[in-house]
Amino acid sequence: MDGKIYDFLGMSVGLIVHGLDNEQRRAAYGCDITYGTNNEFGFDYLRDNMVIYKTDMVQRELNYAIVDEVDSILVDEARTPLIISGAADKSTDLYKRANSFASK
């Protein structure tokens, strides 16, 4: 991004795209202006709510949001929920045994 106007105003600009690591995401969210897609923002929000330590979060408190084409996000994209899951802590052996029992 060119960002000459923002540089002149003393503002920093970040971009959230797929493939960034947590440090790059944290740096982009730390900027005055952060660009990204609804999916990237949404998944970052979900991942931040799954961390154990607050220091592992990438998003920060946001003051304002400007959403372009919000009708598309709220109507068209609403049919596709954002789903994220963490690693399973427990063995699936119990479920396999219950399935075997129920099948008989």
PDB file of N, CA and C in Angstrom:
ATOM      1  N   MET A   1       0.841  -1.183   0.000  1.00  0.00           N
ATOM      2  CA  MET A   1       0.000   0.000   0.000  1.00  0.00           C
ATOM      3  C   MET A   1       0.881   1.239   0.000  1.00  0.00           C
ATOM      4  N   ASP A   2       0.423   2.215  -0.710  1.00  0.00           N
ATOM      5  CA  ASP A   2       1.202   3.442  -0.834  1.00  0.00           C
ATOM      6  C   ASP A   2       1.189   4.209   0.483  1.00  0.00           C
ATOM      7  N   GLY A   3       0.036   4.623   0.960  1.00  0.00           N
ATOM      8  CA  GLY A   3      -0.108   5.230   2.272  1.00  0.00           C
ATOM      9  C   GLY A   3       0.571   6.576   2.476  1.00  0.00           C
ATOM     10  N   LYS A   4       0.813   7.330   1.412  1.00  0.00           N
ATOM     11  CA  LYS A   4       1.506   8.621   1.558  1.00  0.00           C
ATOM     12  C   LYS A   4       0.691   9.606   2.398  1.00  0.00           C
ATOM     13  N   ILE A   5      -0.613   9.597   2.220  1.00  0.00           N
ATOM     14  CA  ILE A   5      -1.458  10.518   2.992  1.00  0.00           C
ATOM     15  C   ILE A   5      -1.398  10.151   4.467  1.00  0.00           C
ATOM     16  N   TYR A   6      -1.486   8.843   4.753  1.00  0.00           N
ATOM     17  CA  TYR A   6      -1.438   8.410   6.149  1.00  0.00           C
ATOM     18  C   TYR A   6      -0.075   8.706   6.765  1.00  0.00           C
ATOM     19  N   ASP A   7       0.989   8.502   5.993  1.00  0.00           N
ATOM     20  CA  ASP A   7       2.338   8.835   6.482  1.00  0.00           C
ATOM     21  C   ASP A   7       2.427  10.323   6.803  1.00  0.00           C
ATOM     22  N   PHE A   8       1.883  11.160   5.928  1.00  0.00           N
ATOM     23  CA  PHE A   8       1.888  12.602   6.145  1.00  0.00           C
ATOM     24  C   PHE A   8       1.146  12.970   7.419  1.00  0.00           C
ATOM     25  N   LEU A   9       0.073  12.244   7.710  1.00  0.00           N
ATOM     26  CA  LEU A   9      -0.718  12.494   8.910  1.00  0.00           C
ATOM     27  C   LEU A   9      -0.136  11.822  10.148  1.00  0.00           C
ATOM     28  N   GLY A  10       0.955  11.076   9.961  1.00  0.00           N
ATOM     29  CA  GLY A  10       1.595  10.403  11.089  1.00  0.00           C
ATOM     30  C   GLY A  10       0.884   9.141  11.533  1.00  0.00           C
ATOM     31  N   MET A  11       0.154   8.516  10.619  1.00  0.00           N
ATOM     32  CA  MET A  11      -0.605   7.310  10.943  1.00  0.00           C
ATOM     33  C   MET A  11       0.042   6.085  10.312  1.00  0.00           C
ATOM     34  N   SER A  12      -0.085   4.953  10.998  1.00  0.00           N
ATOM     35  CA  SER A  12       0.455   3.703  10.470  1.00  0.00           C
ATOM     36  C   SER A  12      -0.686   2.856   9.899  1.00  0.00           C
ATOM     37  N   VAL A  13      -0.348   2.006   8.921  1.00  0.00           N
ATOM     38  CA  VAL A  13      -1.336   1.190   8.234  1.00  0.00           C
ATOM     39  C   VAL A  13      -0.896  -0.266   8.266  1.00  0.00           C
ATOM     40  N   GLY A  14      -1.830  -1.161   8.620  1.00  0.00           N
ATOM     41  CA  GLY A  14      -1.556  -2.592   8.627  1.00  0.00           C
ATOM     42  C   GLY A  14      -2.533  -3.326   7.732  1.00  0.00           C
ATOM     43  N   LEU A  15      -2.133  -4.511   7.302  1.00  0.00           N
ATOM     44  CA  LEU A  15      -2.966  -5.330   6.432  1.00  0.00           C
ATOM     45  C   LEU A  15      -2.997  -6.752   6.962  1.00  0.00           C
ATOM     46  N   ILE A  16      -4.187  -7.279   7.166  1.00  0.00           N
ATOM     47  CA  ILE A  16      -4.370  -8.643   7.641  1.00  0.00           C
ATOM     48  C   ILE A  16      -4.726  -9.516   6.442  1.00  0.00           C
ATOM     49  N   VAL A  17      -3.862 -10.483   6.136  1.00  0.00           N
ATOM     50  CA  VAL A  17      -4.108 -11.426   5.044  1.00  0.00           C
ATOM     51  C   VAL A  17      -3.816 -12.840   5.535  1.00  0.00           C
ATOM     52  N   HIS A  18      -4.292 -13.807   4.806  1.00  0.00           N
ATOM     53  CA  HIS A  18      -4.051 -15.205   5.143  1.00  0.00           C
ATOM     54  C   HIS A  18      -2.558 -15.510   5.071  1.00  0.00           C
ATOM     55  N   GLY A  19      -2.073 -16.293   6.023  1.00  0.00           N
ATOM     56  CA  GLY A  19      -0.681 -16.716   5.996  1.00  0.00           C
ATOM     57  C   GLY A  19       0.239 -15.943   6.929  1.00  0.00           C
ATOM     58  N   LEU A  20      -0.266 -14.915   7.593  1.00  0.00           N
ATOM     59  CA  LEU A  20       0.564 -14.170   8.540  1.00  0.00           C
ATOM     60  C   LEU A  20       0.709 -14.957   9.834  1.00  0.00           C
ATOM     61  N   ASP A  21       1.871 -14.855  10.468  1.00  0.00           N
ATOM     62  CA  ASP A  21       2.016 -15.487  11.780  1.00  0.00           C
ATOM     63  C   ASP A  21       1.477 -14.536  12.846  1.00  0.00           C
ATOM     64  N   ASN A  22       1.443 -14.989  14.090  1.00  0.00           N
ATOM     65  CA  ASN A  22       0.847 -14.185  15.167  1.00  0.00           C
ATOM     66  C   ASN A  22       1.555 -12.851  15.371  1.00  0.00           C
ATOM     67  N   GLU A  23       2.866 -12.829  15.260  1.00  0.00           N
ATOM     68  CA  GLU A  23       3.600 -11.568  15.443  1.00  0.00           C
ATOM     69  C   GLU A  23       3.253 -10.569  14.344  1.00  0.00           C
ATOM     70  N   GLN A  24       3.147 -11.036  13.110  1.00  0.00           N
ATOM     71  CA  GLN A  24       2.786 -10.149  12.001  1.00  0.00           C
ATOM     72  C   GLN A  24       1.356  -9.642  12.161  1.00  0.00           C
ATOM     73  N   ARG A  25       0.468 -10.516  12.611  1.00  0.00           N
ATOM     74  CA  ARG A  25      -0.915 -10.094  12.839  1.00  0.00           C
ATOM     75  C   ARG A  25      -0.995  -9.069  13.967  1.00  0.00           C
ATOM     76  N   ARG A  26      -0.289  -9.327  15.043  1.00  0.00           N
ATOM     77  CA  ARG A  26      -0.285  -8.402  16.181  1.00  0.00           C
ATOM     78  C   ARG A  26       0.236  -7.026  15.748  1.00  0.00           C
ATOM     79  N   ALA A  27       1.280  -7.021  14.920  1.00  0.00           N
ATOM     80  CA  ALA A  27       1.833  -5.751  14.426  1.00  0.00           C
ATOM     81  C   ALA A  27       0.819  -5.021  13.547  1.00  0.00           C
ATOM     82  N   ALA A  28       0.118  -5.753  12.689  1.00  0.00           N
ATOM     83  CA  ALA A  28      -0.873  -5.129  11.806  1.00  0.00           C
ATOM     84  C   ALA A  28      -2.040  -4.569  12.615  1.00  0.00           C
ATOM     85  N   TYR A  29      -2.483  -5.309  13.630  1.00  0.00           N
ATOM     86  CA  TYR A  29      -3.566  -4.808  14.482  1.00  0.00           C
ATOM     87  C   TYR A  29      -3.118  -3.641  15.346  1.00  0.00           C
ATOM     88  N   GLY A  30      -1.846  -3.519  15.593  1.00  0.00           N
ATOM     89  CA  GLY A  30      -1.325  -2.414  16.389  1.00  0.00           C
ATOM     90  C   GLY A  30      -1.248  -1.104  15.637  1.00  0.00           C
ATOM     91  N   CYS A  31      -1.474  -1.145  14.337  1.00  0.00           N
ATOM     92  CA  CYS A  31      -1.424   0.077  13.523  1.00  0.00           C
ATOM     93  C   CYS A  31      -2.664   0.939  13.753  1.00  0.00           C
ATOM     94  N   ASP A  32      -2.561   2.185  13.343  1.00  0.00           N
ATOM     95  CA  ASP A  32      -3.690   3.101  13.469  1.00  0.00           C
ATOM     96  C   ASP A  32      -4.864   2.673  12.581  1.00  0.00           C
ATOM     97  N   ILE A  33      -4.551   2.175  11.387  1.00  0.00           N
ATOM     98  CA  ILE A  33      -5.560   1.724  10.429  1.00  0.00           C
ATOM     99  C   ILE A  33      -5.201   0.304  10.024  1.00  0.00           C
ATOM    100  N   THR A  34      -6.169  -0.599  10.098  1.00  0.00           N
ATOM    101  CA  THR A  34      -5.927  -2.000   9.739  1.00  0.00           C
ATOM    102  C   THR A  34      -6.940  -2.426   8.691  1.00  0.00           C
ATOM    103  N   TYR A  35      -6.438  -2.881   7.542  1.00  0.00           N
ATOM    104  CA  TYR A  35      -7.284  -3.393   6.478  1.00  0.00           C
ATOM    105  C   TYR A  35      -7.319  -4.914   6.553  1.00  0.00           C
ATOM    106  N   GLY A  36      -8.434  -5.501   6.145  1.00  0.00           N
ATOM    107  CA  GLY A  36      -8.545  -6.949   6.100  1.00  0.00           C
ATOM    108  C   GLY A  36      -9.933  -7.354   5.657  1.00  0.00           C
ATOM    109  N   THR A  37     -10.124  -8.654   5.519  1.00  0.00           N
ATOM    110  CA  THR A  37     -11.434  -9.171   5.116  1.00  0.00           C
ATOM    111  C   THR A  37     -12.219  -9.595   6.346  1.00  0.00           C
ATOM    112  N   ASN A  38     -13.525  -9.721   6.169  1.00  0.00           N
ATOM    113  CA  ASN A  38     -14.368 -10.125   7.290  1.00  0.00           C
ATOM    114  C   ASN A  38     -13.969 -11.504   7.814  1.00  0.00           C
ATOM    115  N   ASN A  39     -13.543 -12.405   6.943  1.00  0.00           N
ATOM    116  CA  ASN A  39     -13.126 -13.733   7.396  1.00  0.00           C
ATOM    117  C   ASN A  39     -11.880 -13.662   8.262  1.00  0.00           C
ATOM    118  N   GLU A  40     -10.883 -12.870   7.861  1.00  0.00           N
ATOM    119  CA  GLU A  40      -9.647 -12.762   8.651  1.00  0.00           C
ATOM    120  C   GLU A  40      -9.938 -12.153  10.020  1.00  0.00           C
ATOM    121  N   PHE A  41     -10.731 -11.077  10.046  1.00  0.00           N
ATOM    122  CA  PHE A  41     -11.086 -10.460  11.326  1.00  0.00           C
ATOM    123  C   PHE A  41     -11.889 -11.426  12.196  1.00  0.00           C
ATOM    124  N   GLY A  42     -12.834 -12.128  11.573  1.00  0.00           N
ATOM    125  CA  GLY A  42     -13.677 -13.060  12.315  1.00  0.00           C
ATOM    126  C   GLY A  42     -12.896 -14.219  12.900  1.00  0.00           C
ATOM    127  N   PHE A  43     -12.024 -14.837  12.096  1.00  0.00           N
ATOM    128  CA  PHE A  43     -11.241 -15.958  12.607  1.00  0.00           C
ATOM    129  C   PHE A  43     -10.230 -15.510  13.654  1.00  0.00           C
ATOM    130  N   ASP A  44      -9.655 -14.327  13.488  1.00  0.00           N
ATOM    131  CA  ASP A  44      -8.748 -13.815  14.520  1.00  0.00           C
ATOM    132  C   ASP A  44      -9.495 -13.603  15.838  1.00  0.00           C
ATOM    133  N   TYR A  45     -10.725 -13.107  15.745  1.00  0.00           N
ATOM    134  CA  TYR A  45     -11.546 -12.925  16.943  1.00  0.00           C
ATOM    135  C   TYR A  45     -11.793 -14.270  17.630  1.00  0.00           C
ATOM    136  N   LEU A  46     -12.163 -15.278  16.838  1.00  0.00           N
ATOM    137  CA  LEU A  46     -12.422 -16.599  17.408  1.00  0.00           C
ATOM    138  C   LEU A  46     -11.162 -17.202  18.022  1.00  0.00           C
ATOM    139  N   ARG A  47     -10.026 -17.094  17.316  1.00  0.00           N
ATOM    140  CA  ARG A  47      -8.769 -17.633  17.851  1.00  0.00           C
ATOM    141  C   ARG A  47      -8.362 -16.906  19.131  1.00  0.00           C
ATOM    142  N   ASP A  48      -8.561 -15.595  19.164  1.00  0.00           N
ATOM    143  CA  ASP A  48      -8.223 -14.833  20.371  1.00  0.00           C
ATOM    144  C   ASP A  48      -9.043 -15.276  21.576  1.00  0.00           C
ATOM    145  N   ASN A  49     -10.251 -15.740  21.335  1.00  0.00           N
ATOM    146  CA  ASN A  49     -11.098 -16.194  22.434  1.00  0.00           C
ATOM    147  C   ASN A  49     -10.825 -17.639  22.832  1.00  0.00           C
ATOM    148  N   MET A  50      -9.869 -18.276  22.160  1.00  0.00           N
ATOM    149  CA  MET A  50      -9.482 -19.643  22.499  1.00  0.00           C
ATOM    150  C   MET A  50      -8.111 -19.724  23.166  1.00  0.00           C
ATOM    151  N   VAL A  51      -7.370 -18.606  23.225  1.00  0.00           N
ATOM    152  CA  VAL A  51      -6.025 -18.647  23.799  1.00  0.00           C
ATOM    153  C   VAL A  51      -6.091 -18.824  25.312  1.00  0.00           C
ATOM    154  N   ILE A  52      -5.016 -19.373  25.843  1.00  0.00           N
ATOM    155  CA  ILE A  52      -4.930 -19.565  27.290  1.00  0.00           C
ATOM    156  C   ILE A  52      -4.409 -18.298  27.954  1.00  0.00           C
ATOM    157  N   TYR A  53      -3.395 -17.690  27.348  1.00  0.00           N
ATOM    158  CA  TYR A  53      -2.772 -16.491  27.914  1.00  0.00           C
ATOM    159  C   TYR A  53      -3.143 -15.271  27.091  1.00  0.00           C
ATOM    160  N   LYS A  54      -3.488 -14.202  27.776  1.00  0.00           N
ATOM    161  CA  LYS A  54      -3.888 -12.965  27.108  1.00  0.00           C
ATOM    162  C   LYS A  54      -2.787 -12.430  26.197  1.00  0.00           C
ATOM    163  N   THR A  55      -1.534 -12.716  26.524  1.00  0.00           N
ATOM    164  CA  THR A  55      -0.414 -12.251  25.704  1.00  0.00           C
ATOM    165  C   THR A  55      -0.368 -12.927  24.340  1.00  0.00           C
ATOM    166  N   ASP A  56      -1.101 -14.028  24.170  1.00  0.00           N
ATOM    167  CA  ASP A  56      -1.137 -14.736  22.885  1.00  0.00           C
ATOM    168  C   ASP A  56      -2.182 -14.169  21.928  1.00  0.00           C
ATOM    169  N   MET A  57      -2.983 -13.216  22.397  1.00  0.00           N
ATOM    170  CA  MET A  57      -4.002 -12.606  21.545  1.00  0.00           C
ATOM    171  C   MET A  57      -3.333 -11.697  20.516  1.00  0.00           C
ATOM    172  N   VAL A  58      -3.954 -11.585  19.320  1.00  0.00           N
ATOM    173  CA  VAL A  58      -3.386 -10.723  18.284  1.00  0.00           C
ATOM    174  C   VAL A  58      -4.169  -9.427  18.129  1.00  0.00           C
ATOM    175  N   GLN A  59      -5.479  -9.467  18.355  1.00  0.00           N
ATOM    176  CA  GLN A  59      -6.272  -8.252  18.220  1.00  0.00           C
ATOM    177  C   GLN A  59      -6.145  -7.394  19.468  1.00  0.00           C
ATOM    178  N   ARG A  60      -6.419  -6.125  19.304  1.00  0.00           N
ATOM    179  CA  ARG A  60      -6.406  -5.205  20.441  1.00  0.00           C
ATOM    180  C   ARG A  60      -7.784  -4.563  20.532  1.00  0.00           C
ATOM    181  N   GLU A  61      -7.982  -3.764  21.560  1.00  0.00           N
ATOM    182  CA  GLU A  61      -9.246  -3.050  21.670  1.00  0.00           C
ATOM    183  C   GLU A  61      -9.386  -2.107  20.486  1.00  0.00           C
ATOM    184  N   LEU A  62     -10.512  -2.192  19.827  1.00  0.00           N
ATOM    185  CA  LEU A  62     -10.751  -1.360  18.647  1.00  0.00           C
ATOM    186  C   LEU A  62     -11.684  -0.219  19.008  1.00  0.00           C
ATOM    187  N   ASN A  63     -11.415   0.939  18.455  1.00  0.00           N
ATOM    188  CA  ASN A  63     -12.230   2.109  18.739  1.00  0.00           C
ATOM    189  C   ASN A  63     -13.303   2.347  17.683  1.00  0.00           C
ATOM    190  N   TYR A  64     -12.980   2.080  16.429  1.00  0.00           N
ATOM    191  CA  TYR A  64     -13.909   2.303  15.329  1.00  0.00           C
ATOM    192  C   TYR A  64     -13.728   1.213  14.290  1.00  0.00           C
ATOM    193  N   ALA A  65     -14.781   0.961  13.545  1.00  0.00           N
ATOM    194  CA  ALA A  65     -14.707   0.040  12.414  1.00  0.00           C
ATOM    195  C   ALA A  65     -15.504   0.631  11.264  1.00  0.00           C
ATOM    196  N   ILE A  66     -14.911   0.630  10.099  1.00  0.00           N
ATOM    197  CA  ILE A  66     -15.601   1.028   8.883  1.00  0.00           C
ATOM    198  C   ILE A  66     -15.697  -0.226   8.035  1.00  0.00           C
ATOM    199  N   VAL A  67     -16.915  -0.624   7.737  1.00  0.00           N
ATOM    200  CA  VAL A  67     -17.142  -1.865   7.011  1.00  0.00           C
ATOM    201  C   VAL A  67     -17.693  -1.536   5.636  1.00  0.00           C
ATOM    202  N   ASP A  68     -16.955  -1.935   4.603  1.00  0.00           N
ATOM    203  CA  ASP A  68     -17.392  -1.727   3.233  1.00  0.00           C
ATOM    204  C   ASP A  68     -18.267  -2.902   2.823  1.00  0.00           C
ATOM    205  N   GLU A  69     -19.355  -2.625   2.141  1.00  0.00           N
ATOM    206  CA  GLU A  69     -20.287  -3.644   1.669  1.00  0.00           C
ATOM    207  C   GLU A  69     -20.834  -4.493   2.815  1.00  0.00           C
ATOM    208  N   VAL A  70     -21.248  -3.832   3.883  1.00  0.00           N
ATOM    209  CA  VAL A  70     -21.766  -4.535   5.058  1.00  0.00           C
ATOM    210  C   VAL A  70     -22.997  -5.372   4.713  1.00  0.00           C
ATOM    211  N   ASP A  71     -23.788  -4.939   3.734  1.00  0.00           N
ATOM    212  CA  ASP A  71     -24.958  -5.729   3.350  1.00  0.00           C
ATOM    213  C   ASP A  71     -24.544  -7.097   2.824  1.00  0.00           C
ATOM    214  N   SER A  72     -23.452  -7.153   2.085  1.00  0.00           N
ATOM    215  CA  SER A  72     -22.952  -8.430   1.578  1.00  0.00           C
ATOM    216  C   SER A  72     -22.510  -9.334   2.722  1.00  0.00           C
ATOM    217  N   ILE A  73     -21.848  -8.752   3.707  1.00  0.00           N
ATOM    218  CA  ILE A  73     -21.361  -9.535   4.845  1.00  0.00           C
ATOM    219  C   ILE A  73     -22.520 -10.048   5.686  1.00  0.00           C
ATOM    220  N   LEU A  74     -23.493  -9.186   5.968  1.00  0.00           N
ATOM    221  CA  LEU A  74     -24.598  -9.567   6.848  1.00  0.00           C
ATOM    222  C   LEU A  74     -25.617 -10.471   6.174  1.00  0.00           C
ATOM    223  N   VAL A  75     -25.792 -10.342   4.865  1.00  0.00           N
ATOM    224  CA  VAL A  75     -26.803 -11.134   4.178  1.00  0.00           C
ATOM    225  C   VAL A  75     -26.183 -12.330   3.456  1.00  0.00           C
ATOM    226  N   ASP A  76     -25.288 -12.063   2.524  1.00  0.00           N
ATOM    227  CA  ASP A  76     -24.718 -13.140   1.704  1.00  0.00           C
ATOM    228  C   ASP A  76     -23.790 -14.050   2.499  1.00  0.00           C
ATOM    229  N   GLU A  77     -22.897 -13.480   3.289  1.00  0.00           N
ATOM    230  CA  GLU A  77     -21.923 -14.254   4.037  1.00  0.00           C
ATOM    231  C   GLU A  77     -22.522 -14.901   5.278  1.00  0.00           C
ATOM    232  N   ALA A  78     -23.712 -14.459   5.699  1.00  0.00           N
ATOM    233  CA  ALA A  78     -24.334 -14.994   6.912  1.00  0.00           C
ATOM    234  C   ALA A  78     -24.697 -16.465   6.763  1.00  0.00           C
ATOM    235  N   ARG A  79     -24.789 -16.931   5.536  1.00  0.00           N
ATOM    236  CA  ARG A  79     -25.119 -18.339   5.312  1.00  0.00           C
ATOM    237  C   ARG A  79     -23.932 -19.257   5.575  1.00  0.00           C
ATOM    238  N   THR A  80     -22.733 -18.682   5.673  1.00  0.00           N
ATOM    239  CA  THR A  80     -21.528 -19.480   5.899  1.00  0.00           C
ATOM    240  C   THR A  80     -20.945 -19.100   7.256  1.00  0.00           C
ATOM    241  N   PRO A  81     -21.228 -19.889   8.294  1.00  0.00           N
ATOM    242  CA  PRO A  81     -20.728 -19.541   9.631  1.00  0.00           C
ATOM    243  C   PRO A  81     -19.220 -19.753   9.748  1.00  0.00           C
ATOM    244  N   LEU A  82     -18.595 -18.966  10.605  1.00  0.00           N
ATOM    245  CA  LEU A  82     -17.182 -19.154  10.910  1.00  0.00           C
ATOM    246  C   LEU A  82     -17.090 -20.192  12.019  1.00  0.00           C
ATOM    247  N   ILE A  83     -16.431 -21.290  11.745  1.00  0.00           N
ATOM    248  CA  ILE A  83     -16.302 -22.369  12.727  1.00  0.00           C
ATOM    249  C   ILE A  83     -14.830 -22.657  12.932  1.00  0.00           C
ATOM    250  N   ILE A  84     -14.432 -22.731  14.175  1.00  0.00           N
ATOM    251  CA  ILE A  84     -13.043 -23.020  14.510  1.00  0.00           C
ATOM    252  C   ILE A  84     -13.047 -23.971  15.701  1.00  0.00           C
ATOM    253  N   SER A  85     -12.061 -24.842  15.753  1.00  0.00           N
ATOM    254  CA  SER A  85     -11.991 -25.772  16.877  1.00  0.00           C
ATOM    255  C   SER A  85     -10.552 -25.930  17.320  1.00  0.00           C
ATOM    256  N   GLY A  86     -10.395 -26.327  18.548  1.00  0.00           N
ATOM    257  CA  GLY A  86      -9.069 -26.564  19.097  1.00  0.00           C
ATOM    258  C   GLY A  86      -8.765 -28.053  19.108  1.00  0.00           C
ATOM    259  N   ALA A  87      -7.583 -28.385  19.549  1.00  0.00           N
ATOM    260  CA  ALA A  87      -7.177 -29.786  19.644  1.00  0.00           C
ATOM    261  C   ALA A  87      -7.999 -30.490  20.721  1.00  0.00           C
ATOM    262  N   ALA A  88      -8.345 -31.730  20.456  1.00  0.00           N
ATOM    263  CA  ALA A  88      -9.117 -32.508  21.422  1.00  0.00           C
ATOM    264  C   ALA A  88      -8.222 -32.928  22.582  1.00  0.00           C
ATOM    265  N   ASP A  89      -8.726 -32.727  23.798  1.00  0.00           N
ATOM    266  CA  ASP A  89      -7.968 -33.089  24.992  1.00  0.00           C
ATOM    267  C   ASP A  89      -8.161 -34.550  25.378  1.00  0.00           C
ATOM    268  N   LYS A  90      -9.308 -35.106  25.017  1.00  0.00           N
ATOM    269  CA  LYS A  90      -9.642 -36.450  25.458  1.00  0.00           C
ATOM    270  C   LYS A  90      -9.574 -37.434  24.296  1.00  0.00           C
ATOM    271  N   SER A  91      -9.359 -38.664  24.633  1.00  0.00           N
ATOM    272  CA  SER A  91      -9.311 -39.736  23.649  1.00  0.00           C
ATOM    273  C   SER A  91     -10.703 -39.987  23.084  1.00  0.00           C
ATOM    274  N   THR A  92     -10.753 -40.370  21.831  1.00  0.00           N
ATOM    275  CA  THR A  92     -12.034 -40.688  21.206  1.00  0.00           C
ATOM    276  C   THR A  92     -12.402 -42.159  21.400  1.00  0.00           C
ATOM    277  N   ASP A  93     -11.627 -42.892  22.161  1.00  0.00           N
ATOM    278  CA  ASP A  93     -11.878 -44.311  22.376  1.00  0.00           C
ATOM    279  C   ASP A  93     -13.264 -44.559  22.971  1.00  0.00           C
ATOM    280  N   LEU A  94     -13.675 -43.731  23.918  1.00  0.00           N
ATOM    281  CA  LEU A  94     -14.989 -43.896  24.538  1.00  0.00           C
ATOM    282  C   LEU A  94     -16.104 -43.773  23.502  1.00  0.00           C
ATOM    283  N   TYR A  95     -15.969 -42.829  22.566  1.00  0.00           N
ATOM    284  CA  TYR A  95     -16.979 -42.645  21.528  1.00  0.00           C
ATOM    285  C   TYR A  95     -17.028 -43.845  20.589  1.00  0.00           C
ATOM    286  N   LYS A  96     -15.885 -44.409  20.281  1.00  0.00           N
ATOM    287  CA  LYS A  96     -15.831 -45.597  19.422  1.00  0.00           C
ATOM    288  C   LYS A  96     -16.495 -46.782  20.105  1.00  0.00           C
ATOM    289  N   ARG A  97     -16.243 -46.949  21.402  1.00  0.00           N
ATOM    290  CA  ARG A  97     -16.860 -48.051  22.141  1.00  0.00           C
ATOM    291  C   ARG A  97     -18.373 -47.866  22.238  1.00  0.00           C
ATOM    292  N   ALA A  98     -18.818 -46.628  22.471  1.00  0.00           N
ATOM    293  CA  ALA A  98     -20.256 -46.358  22.542  1.00  0.00           C
ATOM    294  C   ALA A  98     -20.928 -46.595  21.189  1.00  0.00           C
ATOM    295  N   ASN A  99     -20.256 -46.206  20.117  1.00  0.00           N
ATOM    296  CA  ASN A  99     -20.799 -46.433  18.770  1.00  0.00           C
ATOM    297  C   ASN A  99     -20.911 -47.926  18.484  1.00  0.00           C
ATOM    298  N   SER A 100     -19.899 -48.689  18.876  1.00  0.00           N
ATOM    299  CA  SER A 100     -19.918 -50.131  18.683  1.00  0.00           C
ATOM    300  C   SER A 100     -21.066 -50.761  19.479  1.00  0.00           C
ATOM    301  N   PHE A 101     -21.250 -50.315  20.712  1.00  0.00           N
ATOM    302  CA  PHE A 101     -22.333 -50.815  21.550  1.00  0.00           C
ATOM    303  C   PHE A 101     -23.696 -50.497  20.951  1.00  0.00           C
ATOM    304  N   ALA A 102     -23.858 -49.237  20.484  1.00  0.00           N
ATOM    305  CA  ALA A 102     -25.140 -48.810  19.935  1.00  0.00           C
ATOM    306  C   ALA A 102     -25.450 -49.526  18.625  1.00  0.00           C
ATOM    307  N   SER A 103     -24.416 -49.889  17.865  1.00  0.00           N
ATOM    308  CA  SER A 103     -24.623 -50.588  16.592  1.00  0.00           C
ATOM    309  C   SER A 103     -25.157 -51.997  16.797  1.00  0.00           C
ATOM    310  N   LYS A 104     -24.846 -52.596  17.962  1.00  0.00           N
ATOM    311  CA  LYS A 104     -25.289 -53.968  18.225  1.00  0.00           C
ATOM    312  C   LYS A 104     -26.691 -53.926  18.749  1.00  0.00           C
TER     313      LYS A 104
END
